[in-house]
Protein backbone atom coordinates (compact mmCIF):
# COMPACT_ATOMS: atom_id res chain seq x y z
CA MET A 1 40.13 -40.00 75.60
CA ALA A 2 37.23 -37.67 76.36
CA LYS A 3 33.78 -38.91 75.57
CA PRO A 4 31.71 -36.88 73.12
CA ARG A 5 29.10 -34.78 74.76
CA ARG A 6 25.55 -35.71 73.85
CA ASN A 7 22.37 -33.69 73.60
CA VAL A 8 24.28 -30.43 73.20
CA GLN A 9 22.49 -27.91 70.97
CA PHE A 10 24.35 -25.11 69.29
CA GLN A 11 22.57 -21.87 68.48
CA HIS A 12 22.54 -21.11 64.76
CA ARG A 13 24.46 -18.02 63.80
CA GLY A 14 22.20 -15.07 63.10
CA SER A 15 19.07 -16.91 64.27
CA ASN A 16 16.59 -15.19 66.54
CA ASN A 17 14.36 -18.23 66.80
CA HIS A 18 14.55 -19.84 70.24
CA ASP A 19 13.01 -23.06 68.98
CA GLY A 20 16.18 -24.25 67.31
CA GLY A 21 15.42 -22.48 64.00
CA LYS A 22 12.22 -24.40 63.35
CA LEU A 23 9.00 -22.68 62.29
CA SER A 24 5.62 -23.45 63.68
CA PRO A 25 3.13 -25.08 61.30
CA SER A 26 1.16 -21.84 61.00
CA ASP A 27 4.29 -19.82 60.22
CA THR A 28 5.33 -22.37 57.65
CA GLY A 29 1.91 -22.30 55.98
CA GLU A 30 1.88 -18.51 55.73
CA ALA A 31 5.41 -18.45 54.36
CA MET A 32 4.64 -21.11 51.80
CA SER A 33 1.54 -19.25 50.62
CA GLU A 34 3.36 -15.95 50.21
CA PRO A 35 4.91 -15.53 46.73
CA GLY A 36 8.62 -15.05 46.86
CA SER A 37 8.87 -15.93 50.56
CA PRO A 38 12.12 -17.44 51.93
CA ILE A 39 10.45 -20.80 52.48
CA ARG A 40 9.15 -20.88 48.92
CA SER A 41 12.43 -19.78 47.43
CA GLY A 42 14.28 -22.11 49.77
CA MET A 43 13.43 -24.96 47.49
CA ASN A 44 16.02 -23.50 45.14
CA GLY A 45 18.71 -23.47 47.80
CA LYS A 46 18.24 -19.89 49.04
CA ALA A 47 16.91 -21.00 52.42
CA ASP A 48 17.17 -24.36 54.13
CA VAL A 49 14.50 -25.37 56.60
CA SER A 50 14.78 -29.11 56.23
CA GLY A 51 18.16 -29.36 57.92
CA GLU A 52 19.93 -30.44 54.73
CA GLU A 53 23.15 -28.81 53.67
CA ALA A 54 22.80 -25.87 51.29
CA THR A 55 23.94 -26.50 47.75
CA PRO A 56 27.28 -24.88 46.96
CA GLU A 57 27.26 -21.73 44.82
CA GLN A 58 28.13 -22.08 41.17
CA SER A 59 31.71 -21.42 40.17
CA PRO A 60 32.50 -18.23 38.19
CA SER A 61 33.27 -20.28 35.09
CA THR A 62 29.90 -22.02 35.26
CA GLU A 63 28.14 -18.69 35.75
CA TYR A 64 30.03 -17.24 32.78
CA GLU A 65 29.08 -20.17 30.54
CA LYS A 66 25.44 -19.78 31.56
CA LYS A 67 25.43 -16.07 30.70
CA LYS A 68 27.22 -16.78 27.44
CA GLN A 69 24.65 -19.38 26.43
CA THR A 70 21.80 -17.03 27.34
CA PHE A 71 23.36 -14.25 25.27
CA ILE A 72 23.78 -16.55 22.25
CA THR A 73 20.20 -17.79 22.52
CA ARG A 74 18.89 -14.25 22.92
CA THR A 75 20.86 -13.02 19.90
CA ILE A 76 19.72 -15.88 17.66
CA TRP A 77 16.08 -15.38 18.52
CA THR A 78 16.42 -11.63 18.06
CA PHE A 79 17.47 -12.14 14.45
CA VAL A 80 14.75 -14.75 13.98
CA MET A 81 12.07 -12.29 15.15
CA ILE A 82 13.47 -9.52 12.94
CA ALA A 83 13.49 -11.85 9.92
CA VAL A 84 9.91 -13.02 10.54
CA PHE A 85 8.76 -9.43 11.02
CA PHE A 86 10.25 -8.16 7.76
CA VAL A 87 9.16 -11.20 5.74
CA ALA A 88 5.58 -10.77 6.99
CA MET A 89 5.59 -7.01 6.36
CA LEU A 90 6.85 -7.37 2.81
CA SER A 91 4.56 -10.34 2.07
CA GLY A 92 1.38 -8.37 2.71
CA HIS A 93 -0.84 -6.72 5.29
CA ILE A 94 -2.78 -9.90 6.02
CA TYR A 95 0.35 -11.61 7.37
CA VAL A 96 1.15 -8.69 9.67
CA ILE A 97 -2.44 -8.79 10.93
CA GLY A 98 -1.97 -12.48 11.66
CA ILE A 99 1.18 -11.77 13.69
CA VAL A 100 -0.53 -9.00 15.68
CA THR A 101 -3.45 -11.33 16.39
CA ALA A 102 -1.13 -14.06 17.64
CA ILE A 103 0.77 -11.55 19.80
CA GLN A 104 -2.34 -10.26 21.52
CA ILE A 105 -3.64 -13.78 22.24
CA VAL A 106 -0.32 -14.96 23.71
CA SER A 107 0.11 -11.73 25.69
CA PHE A 108 -3.40 -12.11 27.12
CA LYS A 109 -2.58 -15.69 28.11
CA GLU A 110 0.65 -14.61 29.84
CA VAL A 111 -0.93 -11.76 31.80
CA ILE A 112 -3.89 -13.89 32.90
CA ALA A 113 -1.57 -16.71 33.99
CA ILE A 114 0.36 -14.67 36.56
CA ALA A 115 -2.78 -14.13 38.66
CA ASN A 116 -4.02 -17.72 38.47
CA VAL A 117 -4.09 -19.93 41.55
CA PRO A 118 -4.11 -23.56 40.33
CA SER A 119 -5.47 -24.94 43.61
CA ARG A 120 -8.47 -22.62 43.36
CA GLN A 121 -9.05 -23.37 39.68
CA LYS A 122 -9.49 -27.06 40.44
CA ASN A 123 -12.59 -26.17 42.42
CA LEU A 124 -13.71 -23.58 39.84
CA PRO A 125 -13.45 -25.30 36.46
CA PHE A 126 -15.16 -22.49 34.52
CA THR A 127 -12.77 -19.69 35.55
CA ARG A 128 -10.32 -20.23 32.70
CA SER A 129 -13.12 -20.90 30.22
CA LEU A 130 -14.72 -17.55 31.09
CA ASN A 131 -11.40 -15.77 30.55
CA TRP A 132 -11.14 -17.13 27.02
CA TYR A 133 -14.83 -16.52 26.36
CA PHE A 134 -14.46 -12.83 27.18
CA LEU A 135 -11.35 -12.67 25.00
CA GLY A 136 -13.26 -14.18 22.05
CA THR A 137 -16.18 -11.82 22.57
CA VAL A 138 -14.02 -8.70 22.67
CA MET A 139 -12.01 -9.81 19.63
CA TYR A 140 -15.23 -10.50 17.71
CA PHE A 141 -16.47 -6.99 18.50
CA LEU A 142 -13.21 -5.18 17.70
CA TYR A 143 -12.32 -7.14 14.59
CA GLY A 144 -15.88 -6.78 13.33
CA GLU A 145 -15.72 -3.01 13.81
CA SER A 146 -12.53 -2.82 11.76
CA VAL A 147 -13.76 -5.08 8.96
CA ILE A 148 -17.06 -3.25 8.64
CA TYR A 149 -15.37 0.17 8.65
CA TYR A 150 -12.62 -0.58 6.14
CA PHE A 151 -14.47 -3.05 3.89
CA LYS A 152 -18.03 -1.70 3.79
CA HIS A 153 -18.13 -2.03 0.03
CA ILE A 154 -17.73 -5.81 0.43
CA VAL A 155 -19.57 -6.60 3.66
CA LEU A 156 -22.68 -4.49 3.07
CA VAL A 157 -23.44 -5.94 -0.35
CA ASP A 158 -23.15 -9.58 0.74
CA LYS A 159 -26.44 -11.28 1.50
CA VAL A 160 -25.00 -13.43 4.27
CA LEU A 161 -22.77 -10.82 5.93
CA LEU A 162 -25.24 -7.92 5.78
CA PRO A 163 -27.34 -8.95 8.84
CA PHE A 164 -24.18 -9.46 10.91
CA ALA A 165 -22.80 -6.09 9.82
CA THR A 166 -25.94 -4.06 10.49
CA HIS A 167 -26.49 -5.66 13.92
CA HIS A 168 -22.85 -6.23 14.83
CA ARG A 169 -22.80 -4.12 17.99
CA PHE A 170 -25.99 -5.61 19.39
CA ILE A 171 -24.72 -9.14 18.74
CA SER A 172 -21.43 -8.31 20.48
CA PHE A 173 -23.26 -6.82 23.45
CA MET A 174 -25.47 -9.88 23.85
CA LEU A 175 -22.43 -12.15 23.70
CA TYR A 176 -20.87 -10.16 26.53
CA VAL A 177 -24.10 -10.27 28.55
CA ILE A 178 -24.19 -14.06 28.22
CA GLY A 179 -20.68 -14.26 29.69
CA PHE A 180 -21.59 -11.82 32.46
CA VAL A 181 -24.68 -13.81 33.44
CA PHE A 182 -22.70 -17.05 33.36
CA PHE A 183 -20.06 -15.50 35.63
CA VAL A 184 -22.64 -14.40 38.19
CA GLY A 185 -24.27 -17.82 38.07
CA SER A 186 -20.91 -19.56 38.68
CA LEU A 187 -20.13 -17.68 41.91
CA GLN A 188 -19.44 -20.10 44.77
CA LYS A 189 -19.38 -19.45 48.48
CA GLY A 190 -15.86 -19.27 49.86
CA HIS A 191 -14.41 -18.23 46.49
CA TYR A 192 -16.03 -14.83 45.99
CA ARG A 193 -12.83 -12.82 46.42
CA PHE A 194 -10.87 -15.03 44.02
CA GLN A 195 -13.62 -15.03 41.38
CA PHE A 196 -14.14 -11.26 41.42
CA THR A 197 -10.38 -10.73 41.36
CA GLN A 198 -10.19 -12.91 38.25
CA PHE A 199 -13.10 -11.02 36.68
CA ALA A 200 -11.44 -7.64 37.25
CA TRP A 201 -8.01 -8.95 36.19
CA THR A 202 -9.45 -10.33 32.96
CA HIS A 203 -11.05 -7.01 32.04
CA MET A 204 -7.84 -5.13 32.82
CA ALA A 205 -5.92 -7.48 30.51
CA LEU A 206 -8.55 -7.05 27.80
CA TYR A 207 -8.20 -3.28 27.93
CA LEU A 208 -4.41 -3.06 28.20
CA ILE A 209 -3.71 -5.71 25.58
CA VAL A 210 -6.61 -6.56 23.27
CA VAL A 211 -8.15 -3.10 22.95
CA GLN A 212 -4.79 -1.41 22.33
CA ALA A 213 -3.82 -4.14 19.85
CA HIS A 214 -7.06 -3.35 18.01
CA PHE A 215 -5.80 0.17 17.29
CA ILE A 216 -2.51 -1.27 16.05
CA MET A 217 -4.59 -3.35 13.66
CA ASN A 218 -6.33 -0.20 12.41
CA ASN A 219 -2.93 1.40 11.85
CA ILE A 220 -2.12 -1.43 9.44
CA PHE A 221 -5.32 -0.78 7.49
CA GLU A 222 -4.53 2.94 7.27
CA GLY A 223 -1.12 2.22 5.76
CA MET A 224 1.89 0.08 6.63
CA ILE A 225 3.91 3.13 7.61
CA TRP A 226 1.61 3.81 10.58
CA PHE A 227 2.40 0.34 11.89
CA PHE A 228 6.07 -0.02 11.01
CA LEU A 229 7.26 3.47 11.97
CA PRO A 230 5.91 3.52 15.58
CA ALA A 231 7.14 -0.04 16.17
CA SER A 232 10.62 0.70 14.83
CA LEU A 233 10.85 3.92 16.87
CA VAL A 234 10.23 2.00 20.10
CA ILE A 235 12.81 -0.65 19.17
CA THR A 236 15.38 2.00 18.25
CA ASN A 237 14.77 3.88 21.49
CA ASP A 238 15.19 0.69 23.51
CA ILE A 239 18.48 -0.13 21.79
CA PHE A 240 20.02 3.32 22.21
CA ALA A 241 18.75 3.67 25.77
CA TYR A 242 20.82 0.57 26.56
CA ILE A 243 23.88 1.78 24.61
CA CYS A 244 23.81 5.29 26.06
CA GLY A 245 23.08 3.95 29.52
CA ILE A 246 26.08 1.64 29.69
CA THR A 247 28.33 4.22 27.99
CA PHE A 248 27.77 7.32 30.11
CA GLY A 249 24.79 6.59 32.35
CA ARG A 250 25.24 7.81 35.92
CA THR A 251 21.92 9.11 37.27
CA GLN A 252 19.12 6.68 38.08
CA LEU A 253 15.88 7.54 36.27
CA ILE A 254 13.19 5.65 38.17
CA LYS A 255 13.28 3.33 41.17
CA ILE A 256 10.95 0.74 39.68
CA SER A 257 13.61 0.04 37.02
CA PRO A 258 17.01 0.65 38.68
CA LYS A 259 19.10 0.09 35.54
CA LYS A 260 17.43 2.96 33.62
CA THR A 261 19.43 6.18 33.66
CA VAL A 262 18.64 9.79 32.80
CA GLU A 263 21.59 9.94 30.43
CA GLY A 264 20.39 6.84 28.56
CA PHE A 265 16.85 8.24 28.49
CA VAL A 266 17.90 11.57 26.92
CA GLY A 267 20.51 10.05 24.61
CA ALA A 268 18.01 7.56 23.24
CA TRP A 269 15.58 10.43 22.58
CA ILE A 270 18.12 12.20 20.35
CA PHE A 271 19.04 9.07 18.40
CA THR A 272 15.38 8.09 18.00
CA ILE A 273 14.60 11.47 16.40
CA ILE A 274 17.51 11.07 13.99
CA PHE A 275 16.40 7.54 13.06
CA GLY A 276 12.77 8.65 12.66
CA ILE A 277 13.63 11.46 10.24
CA GLY A 278 15.79 9.18 8.12
CA MET A 279 13.36 6.25 8.07
CA THR A 280 10.40 8.50 7.27
CA ASN A 281 12.29 9.94 4.31
CA VAL A 282 12.77 6.40 2.98
CA LEU A 283 9.25 5.04 3.57
CA MET A 284 7.53 8.07 1.99
CA ARG A 285 8.96 7.06 -1.38
CA TYR A 286 6.91 3.85 -1.61
CA SER A 287 3.15 3.70 -2.12
CA TYR A 288 3.09 0.24 -0.54
CA PHE A 289 3.85 1.83 2.82
CA ILE A 290 1.82 5.05 2.67
CA CYS A 291 -1.37 3.88 0.92
CA PRO A 292 -4.35 2.57 2.91
CA VAL A 293 -5.23 -1.06 2.36
CA ASN A 294 -7.59 -1.57 -0.54
CA ASP A 295 -6.36 -5.05 -1.43
CA LEU A 296 -5.43 -7.55 1.27
CA GLY A 297 -3.62 -9.61 -1.36
CA ALA A 298 -1.10 -6.84 -2.11
CA ASN A 299 2.58 -7.24 -1.27
CA ILE A 300 5.81 -5.33 -1.81
CA PHE A 301 6.05 -6.59 -5.41
CA THR A 302 2.48 -5.85 -6.52
CA GLY A 303 2.34 -2.61 -4.53
CA LEU A 304 -0.64 -0.36 -3.85
CA SER A 305 -1.98 2.72 -5.58
CA CYS A 306 -3.85 5.66 -4.08
CA ASP A 307 -4.03 9.43 -3.91
CA HIS A 308 -1.24 10.20 -1.50
CA ASN A 309 -2.07 11.93 1.74
CA PRO A 310 -0.91 15.59 1.56
CA VAL A 311 1.25 14.95 4.62
CA PHE A 312 3.67 13.00 2.38
CA ILE A 313 3.87 15.67 -0.35
CA PRO A 314 6.71 18.22 0.04
CA GLN A 315 5.50 21.76 0.54
CA LEU A 316 7.19 25.14 0.39
CA TYR A 317 8.16 26.63 3.77
CA GLN A 318 9.83 29.87 4.71
CA LEU A 319 11.85 30.45 7.84
CA PRO A 320 10.19 32.76 10.41
CA ASP A 321 11.05 36.48 10.28
CA TRP A 322 12.64 36.41 13.72
CA THR A 323 15.44 34.22 12.36
CA GLN A 324 16.56 37.09 10.09
CA ILE A 325 17.17 34.47 7.40
CA ASN A 326 15.28 34.93 4.15
CA ARG A 327 15.24 31.38 2.89
CA THR A 328 12.60 28.96 1.62
CA PHE A 329 12.78 25.19 1.35
CA TYR A 330 10.62 22.18 0.48
CA ILE A 331 9.83 19.61 3.13
CA ALA A 332 7.04 17.09 3.67
CA PRO A 333 4.81 17.86 6.70
CA MET A 334 5.39 14.27 7.83
CA GLN A 335 8.92 15.27 8.79
CA PHE A 336 7.45 17.56 11.43
CA HIS A 337 4.97 14.95 12.64
CA ILE A 338 7.73 12.39 13.09
CA LEU A 339 9.28 14.62 15.75
CA VAL A 340 6.14 14.11 17.83
CA PHE A 341 6.15 10.35 17.21
CA ALA A 342 9.82 10.05 18.16
CA THR A 343 9.33 12.15 21.29
CA PHE A 344 6.41 10.01 22.46
CA ALA A 345 8.34 6.81 21.72
CA SER A 346 11.26 8.12 23.79
CA LEU A 347 9.63 9.91 26.70
CA ILE A 348 6.21 8.29 27.20
CA ALA A 349 6.23 4.78 25.69
CA PRO A 350 8.99 3.56 28.07
CA PHE A 351 6.54 4.05 30.92
CA GLY A 352 4.61 1.12 29.46
CA GLY A 353 7.72 -0.91 30.22
CA PHE A 354 7.98 0.60 33.71
CA PHE A 355 4.34 -0.35 34.31
CA ALA A 356 5.10 -3.93 33.26
CA SER A 357 8.16 -3.96 35.55
CA GLY A 358 6.03 -2.87 38.48
CA LEU A 359 3.50 -5.56 37.65
CA LYS A 360 6.19 -8.24 37.62
CA ARG A 361 7.61 -7.01 40.91
CA THR A 362 4.15 -7.16 42.43
CA PHE A 363 3.87 -10.87 41.62
CA LYS A 364 7.60 -11.51 42.20
CA ILE A 365 8.30 -12.89 38.74
CA LYS A 366 11.18 -12.19 36.38
CA ASP A 367 9.35 -12.56 33.08
CA PHE A 368 5.74 -12.85 31.96
CA GLY A 369 6.45 -16.19 30.33
CA GLU A 370 8.88 -18.21 28.25
CA SER A 371 7.35 -17.77 24.80
CA ILE A 372 10.61 -16.46 23.30
CA PRO A 373 13.81 -18.28 24.29
CA GLY A 374 16.28 -15.88 25.87
CA HIS A 375 13.77 -13.01 25.96
CA GLY A 376 11.02 -14.22 28.29
CA GLY A 377 7.43 -13.77 27.25
CA ILE A 378 5.79 -11.93 24.36
CA THR A 379 4.51 -9.33 26.82
CA ASP A 380 8.07 -8.56 27.92
CA ARG A 381 8.85 -7.43 24.37
CA MET A 382 5.53 -5.72 23.64
CA ASP A 383 4.97 -3.74 26.84
CA CYS A 384 5.92 -0.42 25.16
CA GLN A 385 4.49 -1.27 21.74
CA PHE A 386 0.85 -1.38 22.85
CA ILE A 387 0.71 2.18 24.15
CA MET A 388 2.80 3.43 21.22
CA GLY A 389 0.42 1.88 18.69
CA PHE A 390 -2.55 3.37 20.55
CA PHE A 391 -0.95 6.82 20.42
CA ALA A 392 -0.11 6.46 16.71
CA PHE A 393 -3.75 5.74 15.88
CA MET A 394 -5.11 8.64 17.94
CA TYR A 395 -2.55 11.10 16.55
CA TYR A 396 -3.17 9.97 12.97
CA GLN A 397 -6.94 10.28 13.29
CA SER A 398 -6.66 13.71 14.94
CA PHE A 399 -4.00 15.47 12.86
CA ILE A 400 -3.17 13.52 9.71
CA ALA A 401 -6.15 11.54 8.36
CA VAL A 402 -8.05 13.01 5.42
CA TYR A 403 -11.76 12.38 5.65
CA LYS A 404 -13.66 12.10 2.39
CA ALA A 405 -16.50 10.09 0.94
CA SER A 406 -15.66 6.47 0.22
CA VAL A 407 -17.43 3.78 -1.75
CA GLY A 408 -18.16 1.89 1.44
CA GLY A 409 -19.47 5.03 3.15
CA VAL A 410 -21.83 5.83 0.29
CA ILE A 411 -23.15 2.27 0.18
CA GLU A 412 -23.64 2.28 3.95
CA THR A 413 -25.60 5.55 3.78
CA ALA A 414 -27.78 4.26 0.95
CA ILE A 415 -28.54 0.98 2.71
CA GLN A 416 -29.24 2.40 6.14
CA GLY A 417 -30.82 5.73 5.16
CA LEU A 418 -32.90 4.94 2.06
CA ASN A 419 -35.72 2.57 1.35
CA ALA A 420 -35.74 0.17 -1.60
CA GLU A 421 -37.44 2.60 -4.03
CA GLU A 422 -35.00 5.38 -3.18
CA GLN A 423 -32.08 3.01 -3.64
CA VAL A 424 -33.37 2.14 -7.12
CA GLU A 425 -33.51 5.85 -7.95
CA VAL A 426 -29.90 6.24 -6.82
CA VAL A 427 -28.87 3.39 -9.14
CA ARG A 428 -30.75 5.00 -12.05
CA GLY A 429 -29.22 8.39 -11.36
CA LEU A 430 -25.68 7.04 -11.15
CA ALA A 431 -26.17 5.00 -14.33
CA LYS A 432 -27.43 8.03 -16.25
CA TYR A 433 -24.54 10.15 -14.99
CA LEU A 434 -21.97 7.53 -16.02
CA VAL A 435 -23.56 7.26 -19.47
CA ASN A 436 -23.33 11.02 -19.93
CA GLN A 437 -19.68 10.93 -18.84
CA GLY A 438 -18.92 8.20 -21.35
CA ALA A 439 -17.99 5.68 -18.65
CA MET A 440 -20.84 3.31 -19.67
CA GLY A 441 -22.74 2.56 -22.83
CA GLU A 442 -26.41 3.45 -23.27
CA ASN A 443 -27.26 -0.23 -23.60
CA VAL A 444 -26.35 -0.65 -19.90
CA LEU A 445 -28.81 2.12 -18.96
CA ASP A 446 -31.53 0.54 -21.13
CA CYS A 447 -30.89 -2.82 -19.50
CA LEU A 448 -31.14 -1.29 -16.03
CA ASN A 449 -34.39 0.46 -16.88
CA GLY A 450 -35.80 -2.77 -18.24
CA GLU A 451 -34.81 -4.77 -15.17
CA LEU A 452 -35.80 -2.14 -12.60
CA GLY A 453 -39.13 -1.31 -14.23
CA PRO A 454 -40.67 2.05 -15.01
CA ARG A 455 -39.96 5.03 -12.79
CA ARG A 456 -42.55 5.51 -10.09
CA ARG A 457 -43.98 8.99 -9.55
């Protein structure tokens, strides 16, 4: 019987390493530090450098069960999110504002987390604190701007809130300066690159998430339709892009997202326009959706009342002469505007998703987080919504909004532009006018004159 041969080394198949497949310590360190490297992913069985046997691949049945479970979880949580969304929307604007606030905070957390290096943060304990400080400062500024603009008639007449309202921007600026000075003071030798990278990354996240979410918040104040319609258009486009893509998609649209097809892109555009026209026709019938917020306690049952924006009132149109058709018809101008909204949601908003895909590929991650079971992170679901909400606000302010004097605007002008004596004269003049119009009794005017004293000349 032949004796076994000892000390015989066999070359590994496909290996170009003459050292028996082993890496030098420096090579190993570089590979371990590189995200998505074979050594790092080898811990999951993709590469084996320890000499242990690779784990066997999962059987088809196991893989099928895993996909089935993921699909069930994803479907359940999809319906949960839809239910929460509609319950909040019908319960009142304040609940929708709360959801948007929570979304922007969680999205900021997810985006900041992908650039964090835990080993560096142990030596720089204030890095994460500064991230959240800047988030709080920016939210204070943006939320304050919205509250002061839409609720001047409440904020500017309150003794406690008045100083904060009149000096809001200066206070916000000083809060930011404090954070900036603290950041500069916390710089440590050997960590400059990491700290400045975090500083720039934080500001990018603030702009792409918090600032754009601020405009979505303003859309809610202008009327629920300006929040719900853009959001639903993006969701509809996403659904039909998937359906059209798997049905007759053949041509790849963009390399950064290989599964997107031109056919799905165009098909979703057509279906999104059809959905937008139909949904707009429904929402225009309810004042709760088209009226600006004048009562944060309102809901679908109490409703809202206002003078409707002319864009929702049907107007008479005649077909152009070149059509050779002499026909007139009534249609609300909003039906024309919705074509622009649907086109942006179909052709431009998806690039917010492509941007997010490129960002995830850069850091070699599949999802931004695990906030929503089966879906990944909040940011994975909101990547197109932020830019769509931003567009909706800009388009509304440019082409649809009706600018007229408001109670808050008049009070703001009187407080900031008139002295105390002139403000008293305004009160007297308004009181006299209301008495002459029969809106107040003369006893109210006499009482005011007695309290305010004689007129000064």
